[in-house]
Amino acid sequence: GLAGSRAFPPPQDVLAFIVTEAASG
């Protein structure tokens, strides 16, 4: 949150990517 950079995403963004990739197989 302090960095506010795309190069340092928060945990919820990483979790959202994992869920999307898992759903697609």
mmCIF file of all heavy atoms, coordinates in Angstrom:
data_MODEL
# 
_entry.id   MODEL 
# 
loop_
_atom_site.group_PDB 
_atom_site.id 
_atom_site.type_symbol 
_atom_site.label_atom_id 
_atom_site.label_alt_id 
_atom_site.label_comp_id 
_atom_site.label_asym_id 
_atom_site.label_entity_id 
_atom_site.label_seq_id 
_atom_site.pdbx_PDB_ins_code 
_atom_site.Cartn_x 
_atom_site.Cartn_y 
_atom_site.Cartn_z 
_atom_site.occupancy 
_atom_site.B_iso_or_equiv 
_atom_site.pdbx_formal_charge 
_atom_site.auth_seq_id 
_atom_site.auth_comp_id 
_atom_site.auth_asym_id 
_atom_site.auth_atom_id 
_atom_site.pdbx_PDB_model_num 
ATOM 1   N N   . GLY A 1 1  ? 0.812   -1.211  0.000   1.00 0.00 ? 1  GLY A N   1 
ATOM 2   C CA  . GLY A 1 1  ? 0.000   0.000   0.000   1.00 0.00 ? 1  GLY A CA  1 
ATOM 3   C C   . GLY A 1 1  ? 0.846   1.262   0.000   1.00 0.00 ? 1  GLY A C   1 
ATOM 4   O O   . GLY A 1 1  ? 0.530   2.244   -0.682  1.00 0.00 ? 1  GLY A O   1 
ATOM 5   N N   . LEU A 1 2  ? 1.937   1.250   0.760   1.00 0.00 ? 2  LEU A N   1 
ATOM 6   C CA  . LEU A 1 2  ? 2.827   2.408   0.793   1.00 0.00 ? 2  LEU A CA  1 
ATOM 7   C C   . LEU A 1 2  ? 3.573   2.584   -0.536  1.00 0.00 ? 2  LEU A C   1 
ATOM 8   O O   . LEU A 1 2  ? 3.782   3.710   -1.000  1.00 0.00 ? 2  LEU A O   1 
ATOM 9   C CB  . LEU A 1 2  ? 3.836   2.257   1.935   1.00 0.00 ? 2  LEU A CB  1 
ATOM 10  C CG  . LEU A 1 2  ? 3.268   2.359   3.357   1.00 0.00 ? 2  LEU A CG  1 
ATOM 11  C CD1 . LEU A 1 2  ? 4.347   2.052   4.381   1.00 0.00 ? 2  LEU A CD1 1 
ATOM 12  C CD2 . LEU A 1 2  ? 2.686   3.754   3.598   1.00 0.00 ? 2  LEU A CD2 1 
ATOM 13  N N   . ALA A 1 3  ? 3.968   1.445   -1.147  1.00 0.00 ? 3  ALA A N   1 
ATOM 14  C CA  . ALA A 1 3  ? 4.713   1.533   -2.410  1.00 0.00 ? 3  ALA A CA  1 
ATOM 15  C C   . ALA A 1 3  ? 3.810   2.015   -3.538  1.00 0.00 ? 3  ALA A C   1 
ATOM 16  O O   . ALA A 1 3  ? 4.217   2.823   -4.377  1.00 0.00 ? 3  ALA A O   1 
ATOM 17  C CB  . ALA A 1 3  ? 5.317   0.172   -2.745  1.00 0.00 ? 3  ALA A CB  1 
ATOM 18  N N   . GLY A 1 4  ? 2.587   1.502   -3.593  1.00 0.00 ? 4  GLY A N   1 
ATOM 19  C CA  . GLY A 1 4  ? 1.650   1.912   -4.635  1.00 0.00 ? 4  GLY A CA  1 
ATOM 20  C C   . GLY A 1 4  ? 2.183   1.688   -6.035  1.00 0.00 ? 4  GLY A C   1 
ATOM 21  O O   . GLY A 1 4  ? 1.970   2.507   -6.930  1.00 0.00 ? 4  GLY A O   1 
ATOM 22  N N   . SER A 1 5  ? 2.879   0.558   -6.228  1.00 0.00 ? 5  SER A N   1 
ATOM 23  C CA  . SER A 1 5  ? 3.520   0.290   -7.516  1.00 0.00 ? 5  SER A CA  1 
ATOM 24  C C   . SER A 1 5  ? 3.037   -1.051  -8.067  1.00 0.00 ? 5  SER A C   1 
ATOM 25  O O   . SER A 1 5  ? 2.786   -1.998  -7.312  1.00 0.00 ? 5  SER A O   1 
ATOM 26  C CB  . SER A 1 5  ? 5.040   0.259   -7.347  1.00 0.00 ? 5  SER A CB  1 
ATOM 27  O OG  . SER A 1 5  ? 5.665   -0.195  -8.521  1.00 0.00 ? 5  SER A OG  1 
ATOM 28  N N   . ARG A 1 6  ? 2.921   -1.128  -9.384  1.00 0.00 ? 6  ARG A N   1 
ATOM 29  C CA  . ARG A 1 6  ? 2.551   -2.384  -10.042 1.00 0.00 ? 6  ARG A CA  1 
ATOM 30  C C   . ARG A 1 6  ? 3.623   -3.450  -9.831  1.00 0.00 ? 6  ARG A C   1 
ATOM 31  O O   . ARG A 1 6  ? 3.339   -4.652  -9.904  1.00 0.00 ? 6  ARG A O   1 
ATOM 32  C CB  . ARG A 1 6  ? 2.350   -2.124  -11.528 1.00 0.00 ? 6  ARG A CB  1 
ATOM 33  C CG  . ARG A 1 6  ? 1.892   -3.328  -12.347 1.00 0.00 ? 6  ARG A CG  1 
ATOM 34  C CD  . ARG A 1 6  ? 1.484   -2.890  -13.749 1.00 0.00 ? 6  ARG A CD  1 
ATOM 35  N NE  . ARG A 1 6  ? 1.157   -4.050  -14.579 1.00 0.00 ? 6  ARG A NE  1 
ATOM 36  C CZ  . ARG A 1 6  ? 2.014   -4.650  -15.397 1.00 0.00 ? 6  ARG A CZ  1 
ATOM 37  N NH1 . ARG A 1 6  ? 3.262   -4.195  -15.493 1.00 0.00 ? 6  ARG A NH1 1 
ATOM 38  N NH2 . ARG A 1 6  ? 1.637   -5.693  -16.119 1.00 0.00 ? 6  ARG A NH2 1 
ATOM 39  N N   . ALA A 1 7  ? 4.839   -3.006  -9.568  1.00 0.00 ? 7  ALA A N   1 
ATOM 40  C CA  . ALA A 1 7  ? 5.941   -3.936  -9.349  1.00 0.00 ? 7  ALA A CA  1 
ATOM 41  C C   . ALA A 1 7  ? 5.897   -4.571  -7.962  1.00 0.00 ? 7  ALA A C   1 
ATOM 42  O O   . ALA A 1 7  ? 6.657   -5.502  -7.689  1.00 0.00 ? 7  ALA A O   1 
ATOM 43  C CB  . ALA A 1 7  ? 7.279   -3.225  -9.548  1.00 0.00 ? 7  ALA A CB  1 
ATOM 44  N N   . PHE A 1 8  ? 5.030   -4.082  -7.083  1.00 0.00 ? 8  PHE A N   1 
ATOM 45  C CA  . PHE A 1 8  ? 4.911   -4.644  -5.738  1.00 0.00 ? 8  PHE A CA  1 
ATOM 46  C C   . PHE A 1 8  ? 3.425   -4.783  -5.398  1.00 0.00 ? 8  PHE A C   1 
ATOM 47  O O   . PHE A 1 8  ? 2.869   -4.002  -4.630  1.00 0.00 ? 8  PHE A O   1 
ATOM 48  C CB  . PHE A 1 8  ? 5.613   -3.738  -4.725  1.00 0.00 ? 8  PHE A CB  1 
ATOM 49  C CG  . PHE A 1 8  ? 5.805   -4.368  -3.363  1.00 0.00 ? 8  PHE A CG  1 
ATOM 50  C CD1 . PHE A 1 8  ? 5.612   -5.733  -3.157  1.00 0.00 ? 8  PHE A CD1 1 
ATOM 51  C CD2 . PHE A 1 8  ? 6.177   -3.586  -2.286  1.00 0.00 ? 8  PHE A CD2 1 
ATOM 52  C CE1 . PHE A 1 8  ? 5.781   -6.306  -1.915  1.00 0.00 ? 8  PHE A CE1 1 
ATOM 53  C CE2 . PHE A 1 8  ? 6.361   -4.153  -1.032  1.00 0.00 ? 8  PHE A CE2 1 
ATOM 54  C CZ  . PHE A 1 8  ? 6.158   -5.515  -0.848  1.00 0.00 ? 8  PHE A CZ  1 
ATOM 55  N N   . PRO A 1 9  ? 2.765   -5.814  -5.966  1.00 0.00 ? 9  PRO A N   1 
ATOM 56  C CA  . PRO A 1 9  ? 1.321   -5.959  -5.785  1.00 0.00 ? 9  PRO A CA  1 
ATOM 57  C C   . PRO A 1 9  ? 0.968   -6.412  -4.377  1.00 0.00 ? 9  PRO A C   1 
ATOM 58  O O   . PRO A 1 9  ? 1.748   -7.117  -3.735  1.00 0.00 ? 9  PRO A O   1 
ATOM 59  C CB  . PRO A 1 9  ? 0.949   -7.021  -6.818  1.00 0.00 ? 9  PRO A CB  1 
ATOM 60  C CG  . PRO A 1 9  ? 2.188   -7.839  -6.956  1.00 0.00 ? 9  PRO A CG  1 
ATOM 61  C CD  . PRO A 1 9  ? 3.334   -6.879  -6.808  1.00 0.00 ? 9  PRO A CD  1 
ATOM 62  N N   . PRO A 1 10 ? -0.218  -6.060  -3.883  1.00 0.00 ? 10 PRO A N   1 
ATOM 63  C CA  . PRO A 1 10 ? -0.659  -6.518  -2.553  1.00 0.00 ? 10 PRO A CA  1 
ATOM 64  C C   . PRO A 1 10 ? -1.083  -7.974  -2.589  1.00 0.00 ? 10 PRO A C   1 
ATOM 65  O O   . PRO A 1 10 ? -1.285  -8.553  -3.666  1.00 0.00 ? 10 PRO A O   1 
ATOM 66  C CB  . PRO A 1 10 ? -1.852  -5.598  -2.265  1.00 0.00 ? 10 PRO A CB  1 
ATOM 67  C CG  . PRO A 1 10 ? -2.362  -5.214  -3.611  1.00 0.00 ? 10 PRO A CG  1 
ATOM 68  C CD  . PRO A 1 10 ? -1.169  -5.140  -4.514  1.00 0.00 ? 10 PRO A CD  1 
ATOM 69  N N   . PRO A 1 11 ? -1.245  -8.585  -1.420  1.00 0.00 ? 11 PRO A N   1 
ATOM 70  C CA  . PRO A 1 11 ? -1.600  -10.008 -1.379  1.00 0.00 ? 11 PRO A CA  1 
ATOM 71  C C   . PRO A 1 11 ? -2.905  -10.342 -2.097  1.00 0.00 ? 11 PRO A C   1 
ATOM 72  O O   . PRO A 1 11 ? -3.017  -11.403 -2.711  1.00 0.00 ? 11 PRO A O   1 
ATOM 73  C CB  . PRO A 1 11 ? -1.717  -10.295 0.121   1.00 0.00 ? 11 PRO A CB  1 
ATOM 74  C CG  . PRO A 1 11 ? -0.917  -9.240  0.784   1.00 0.00 ? 11 PRO A CG  1 
ATOM 75  C CD  . PRO A 1 11 ? -1.001  -8.034  -0.079  1.00 0.00 ? 11 PRO A CD  1 
ATOM 76  N N   . GLN A 1 12 ? -3.892  -9.441  -2.035  1.00 0.00 ? 12 GLN A N   1 
ATOM 77  C CA  . GLN A 1 12 ? -5.173  -9.757  -2.665  1.00 0.00 ? 12 GLN A CA  1 
ATOM 78  C C   . GLN A 1 12 ? -5.065  -9.865  -4.177  1.00 0.00 ? 12 GLN A C   1 
ATOM 79  O O   . GLN A 1 12 ? -5.784  -10.647 -4.806  1.00 0.00 ? 12 GLN A O   1 
ATOM 80  C CB  . GLN A 1 12 ? -6.243  -8.726  -2.283  1.00 0.00 ? 12 GLN A CB  1 
ATOM 81  C CG  . GLN A 1 12 ? -5.939  -7.296  -2.693  1.00 0.00 ? 12 GLN A CG  1 
ATOM 82  C CD  . GLN A 1 12 ? -5.234  -6.507  -1.591  1.00 0.00 ? 12 GLN A CD  1 
ATOM 83  O OE1 . GLN A 1 12 ? -4.567  -7.105  -0.752  1.00 0.00 ? 12 GLN A OE1 1 
ATOM 84  N NE2 . GLN A 1 12 ? -5.421  -5.206  -1.599  1.00 0.00 ? 12 GLN A NE2 1 
ATOM 85  N N   . ASP A 1 13 ? -4.148  -9.106  -4.790  1.00 0.00 ? 13 ASP A N   1 
ATOM 86  C CA  . ASP A 1 13 ? -3.954  -9.217  -6.236  1.00 0.00 ? 13 ASP A CA  1 
ATOM 87  C C   . ASP A 1 13 ? -3.322  -10.564 -6.601  1.00 0.00 ? 13 ASP A C   1 
ATOM 88  O O   . ASP A 1 13 ? -3.693  -11.188 -7.601  1.00 0.00 ? 13 ASP A O   1 
ATOM 89  C CB  . ASP A 1 13 ? -3.058  -8.079  -6.740  1.00 0.00 ? 13 ASP A CB  1 
ATOM 90  C CG  . ASP A 1 13 ? -3.761  -6.732  -6.715  1.00 0.00 ? 13 ASP A CG  1 
ATOM 91  O OD1 . ASP A 1 13 ? -4.960  -6.698  -6.330  1.00 0.00 ? 13 ASP A OD1 1 
ATOM 92  O OD2 . ASP A 1 13 ? -3.128  -5.717  -7.050  1.00 0.00 ? 13 ASP A OD2 1 
ATOM 93  N N   . VAL A 1 14 ? -2.374  -10.987 -5.797  1.00 0.00 ? 14 VAL A N   1 
ATOM 94  C CA  . VAL A 1 14 ? -1.737  -12.279 -6.038  1.00 0.00 ? 14 VAL A CA  1 
ATOM 95  C C   . VAL A 1 14 ? -2.746  -13.412 -5.852  1.00 0.00 ? 14 VAL A C   1 
ATOM 96  O O   . VAL A 1 14 ? -2.810  -14.353 -6.646  1.00 0.00 ? 14 VAL A O   1 
ATOM 97  C CB  . VAL A 1 14 ? -0.531  -12.470 -5.095  1.00 0.00 ? 14 VAL A CB  1 
ATOM 98  C CG1 . VAL A 1 14 ? 0.087   -13.853 -5.288  1.00 0.00 ? 14 VAL A CG1 1 
ATOM 99  C CG2 . VAL A 1 14 ? 0.515   -11.385 -5.344  1.00 0.00 ? 14 VAL A CG2 1 
ATOM 100 N N   . LEU A 1 15 ? -3.558  -13.304 -4.804  1.00 0.00 ? 15 LEU A N   1 
ATOM 101 C CA  . LEU A 1 15 ? -4.583  -14.324 -4.558  1.00 0.00 ? 15 LEU A CA  1 
ATOM 102 C C   . LEU A 1 15 ? -5.595  -14.365 -5.701  1.00 0.00 ? 15 LEU A C   1 
ATOM 103 O O   . LEU A 1 15 ? -6.017  -15.455 -6.126  1.00 0.00 ? 15 LEU A O   1 
ATOM 104 C CB  . LEU A 1 15 ? -5.285  -14.045 -3.238  1.00 0.00 ? 15 LEU A CB  1 
ATOM 105 C CG  . LEU A 1 15 ? -6.394  -15.021 -2.841  1.00 0.00 ? 15 LEU A CG  1 
ATOM 106 C CD1 . LEU A 1 15 ? -5.829  -16.439 -2.701  1.00 0.00 ? 15 LEU A CD1 1 
ATOM 107 C CD2 . LEU A 1 15 ? -7.058  -14.582 -1.543  1.00 0.00 ? 15 LEU A CD2 1 
ATOM 108 N N   . ALA A 1 16 ? -5.983  -13.203 -6.216  1.00 0.00 ? 16 ALA A N   1 
ATOM 109 C CA  . ALA A 1 16 ? -6.932  -13.165 -7.331  1.00 0.00 ? 16 ALA A CA  1 
ATOM 110 C C   . ALA A 1 16 ? -6.348  -13.845 -8.564  1.00 0.00 ? 16 ALA A C   1 
ATOM 111 O O   . ALA A 1 16 ? -7.056  -14.570 -9.283  1.00 0.00 ? 16 ALA A O   1 
ATOM 112 C CB  . ALA A 1 16 ? -7.299  -11.716 -7.641  1.00 0.00 ? 16 ALA A CB  1 
ATOM 113 N N   . PHE A 1 17 ? -5.061  -13.645 -8.812  1.00 0.00 ? 17 PHE A N   1 
ATOM 114 C CA  . PHE A 1 17 ? -4.421  -14.305 -9.960  1.00 0.00 ? 17 PHE A CA  1 
ATOM 115 C C   . PHE A 1 17 ? -4.406  -15.821 -9.759  1.00 0.00 ? 17 PHE A C   1 
ATOM 116 O O   . PHE A 1 17 ? -4.681  -16.574 -10.705 1.00 0.00 ? 17 PHE A O   1 
ATOM 117 C CB  . PHE A 1 17 ? -2.987  -13.790 -10.133 1.00 0.00 ? 17 PHE A CB  1 
ATOM 118 C CG  . PHE A 1 17 ? -2.211  -14.549 -11.169 1.00 0.00 ? 17 PHE A CG  1 
ATOM 119 C CD1 . PHE A 1 17 ? -2.340  -14.258 -12.506 1.00 0.00 ? 17 PHE A CD1 1 
ATOM 120 C CD2 . PHE A 1 17 ? -1.351  -15.595 -10.810 1.00 0.00 ? 17 PHE A CD2 1 
ATOM 121 C CE1 . PHE A 1 17 ? -1.643  -14.972 -13.480 1.00 0.00 ? 17 PHE A CE1 1 
ATOM 122 C CE2 . PHE A 1 17 ? -0.657  -16.313 -11.756 1.00 0.00 ? 17 PHE A CE2 1 
ATOM 123 C CZ  . PHE A 1 17 ? -0.804  -15.992 -13.102 1.00 0.00 ? 17 PHE A CZ  1 
ATOM 124 N N   . ILE A 1 18 ? -4.078  -16.280 -8.554  1.00 0.00 ? 18 ILE A N   1 
ATOM 125 C CA  . ILE A 1 18 ? -4.046  -17.727 -8.284  1.00 0.00 ? 18 ILE A CA  1 
ATOM 126 C C   . ILE A 1 18 ? -5.419  -18.341 -8.516  1.00 0.00 ? 18 ILE A C   1 
ATOM 127 O O   . ILE A 1 18 ? -5.542  -19.414 -9.128  1.00 0.00 ? 18 ILE A O   1 
ATOM 128 C CB  . ILE A 1 18 ? -3.563  -17.983 -6.843  1.00 0.00 ? 18 ILE A CB  1 
ATOM 129 C CG1 . ILE A 1 18 ? -2.091  -17.579 -6.688  1.00 0.00 ? 18 ILE A CG1 1 
ATOM 130 C CG2 . ILE A 1 18 ? -3.749  -19.447 -6.462  1.00 0.00 ? 18 ILE A CG2 1 
ATOM 131 C CD1 . ILE A 1 18 ? -1.572  -17.668 -5.261  1.00 0.00 ? 18 ILE A CD1 1 
ATOM 132 N N   . VAL A 1 19 ? -6.464  -17.678 -8.046  1.00 0.00 ? 19 VAL A N   1 
ATOM 133 C CA  . VAL A 1 19 ? -7.827  -18.193 -8.217  1.00 0.00 ? 19 VAL A CA  1 
ATOM 134 C C   . VAL A 1 19 ? -8.177  -18.270 -9.701  1.00 0.00 ? 19 VAL A C   1 
ATOM 135 O O   . VAL A 1 19 ? -8.753  -19.269 -10.169 1.00 0.00 ? 19 VAL A O   1 
ATOM 136 C CB  . VAL A 1 19 ? -8.834  -17.302 -7.460  1.00 0.00 ? 19 VAL A CB  1 
ATOM 137 C CG1 . VAL A 1 19 ? -10.267 -17.695 -7.809  1.00 0.00 ? 19 VAL A CG1 1 
ATOM 138 C CG2 . VAL A 1 19 ? -8.609  -17.414 -5.958  1.00 0.00 ? 19 VAL A CG2 1 
ATOM 139 N N   . THR A 1 20 ? -7.828  -17.246 -10.461 1.00 0.00 ? 20 THR A N   1 
ATOM 140 C CA  . THR A 1 20 ? -8.127  -17.232 -11.897 1.00 0.00 ? 20 THR A CA  1 
ATOM 141 C C   . THR A 1 20 ? -7.390  -18.346 -12.631 1.00 0.00 ? 20 THR A C   1 
ATOM 142 O O   . THR A 1 20 ? -7.978  -19.058 -13.460 1.00 0.00 ? 20 THR A O   1 
ATOM 143 C CB  . THR A 1 20 ? -7.742  -15.867 -12.502 1.00 0.00 ? 20 THR A CB  1 
ATOM 144 O OG1 . THR A 1 20 ? -8.462  -14.825 -11.831 1.00 0.00 ? 20 THR A OG1 1 
ATOM 145 C CG2 . THR A 1 20 ? -8.066  -15.825 -13.992 1.00 0.00 ? 20 THR A CG2 1 
ATOM 146 N N   . GLU A 1 21 ? -6.109  -18.511 -12.338 1.00 0.00 ? 21 GLU A N   1 
ATOM 147 C CA  . GLU A 1 21 ? -5.320  -19.561 -12.983 1.00 0.00 ? 21 GLU A CA  1 
ATOM 148 C C   . GLU A 1 21 ? -5.798  -20.949 -12.590 1.00 0.00 ? 21 GLU A C   1 
ATOM 149 O O   . GLU A 1 21 ? -5.822  -21.869 -13.410 1.00 0.00 ? 21 GLU A O   1 
ATOM 150 C CB  . GLU A 1 21 ? -3.840  -19.405 -12.611 1.00 0.00 ? 21 GLU A CB  1 
ATOM 151 C CG  . GLU A 1 21 ? -3.151  -18.229 -13.268 1.00 0.00 ? 21 GLU A CG  1 
ATOM 152 C CD  . GLU A 1 21 ? -2.985  -18.406 -14.762 1.00 0.00 ? 21 GLU A CD  1 
ATOM 153 O OE1 . GLU A 1 21 ? -2.159  -19.228 -15.193 1.00 0.00 ? 21 GLU A OE1 1 
ATOM 154 O OE2 . GLU A 1 21 ? -3.704  -17.705 -15.513 1.00 0.00 ? 21 GLU A OE2 1 
ATOM 155 N N   . ALA A 1 22 ? -6.194  -21.097 -11.336 1.00 0.00 ? 22 ALA A N   1 
ATOM 156 C CA  . ALA A 1 22 ? -6.704  -22.390 -10.879 1.00 0.00 ? 22 ALA A CA  1 
ATOM 157 C C   . ALA A 1 22 ? -8.024  -22.725 -11.574 1.00 0.00 ? 22 ALA A C   1 
ATOM 158 O O   . ALA A 1 22 ? -8.255  -23.880 -11.962 1.00 0.00 ? 22 ALA A O   1 
ATOM 159 C CB  . ALA A 1 22 ? -6.889  -22.370 -9.368  1.00 0.00 ? 22 ALA A CB  1 
ATOM 160 N N   . ALA A 1 23 ? -8.884  -21.733 -11.754 1.00 0.00 ? 23 ALA A N   1 
ATOM 161 C CA  . ALA A 1 23 ? -10.171 -21.959 -12.416 1.00 0.00 ? 23 ALA A CA  1 
ATOM 162 C C   . ALA A 1 23 ? -9.994  -22.344 -13.880 1.00 0.00 ? 23 ALA A C   1 
ATOM 163 O O   . ALA A 1 23 ? -10.763 -23.151 -14.423 1.00 0.00 ? 23 ALA A O   1 
ATOM 164 C CB  . ALA A 1 23 ? -11.045 -20.706 -12.300 1.00 0.00 ? 23 ALA A CB  1 
ATOM 165 N N   . SER A 1 24 ? -8.982  -21.802 -14.532 1.00 0.00 ? 24 SER A N   1 
ATOM 166 C CA  . SER A 1 24 ? -8.746  -22.106 -15.946 1.00 0.00 ? 24 SER A CA  1 
ATOM 167 C C   . SER A 1 24 ? -8.041  -23.445 -16.159 1.00 0.00 ? 24 SER A C   1 
ATOM 168 O O   . SER A 1 24 ? -7.992  -23.964 -17.271 1.00 0.00 ? 24 SER A O   1 
ATOM 169 C CB  . SER A 1 24 ? -7.912  -20.996 -16.589 1.00 0.00 ? 24 SER A CB  1 
ATOM 170 O OG  . SER A 1 24 ? -6.591  -20.984 -16.064 1.00 0.00 ? 24 SER A OG  1 
ATOM 171 N N   . GLY A 1 25 ? -7.454  -24.003 -15.094 1.00 0.00 ? 25 GLY A N   1 
ATOM 172 C CA  . GLY A 1 25 ? -6.716  -25.257 -15.196 1.00 0.00 ? 25 GLY A CA  1 
ATOM 173 C C   . GLY A 1 25 ? -5.242  -25.079 -15.496 1.00 0.00 ? 25 GLY A C   1 
ATOM 174 O O   . GLY A 1 25 ? -4.480  -26.058 -15.457 1.00 0.00 ? 25 GLY A O   1 
# 
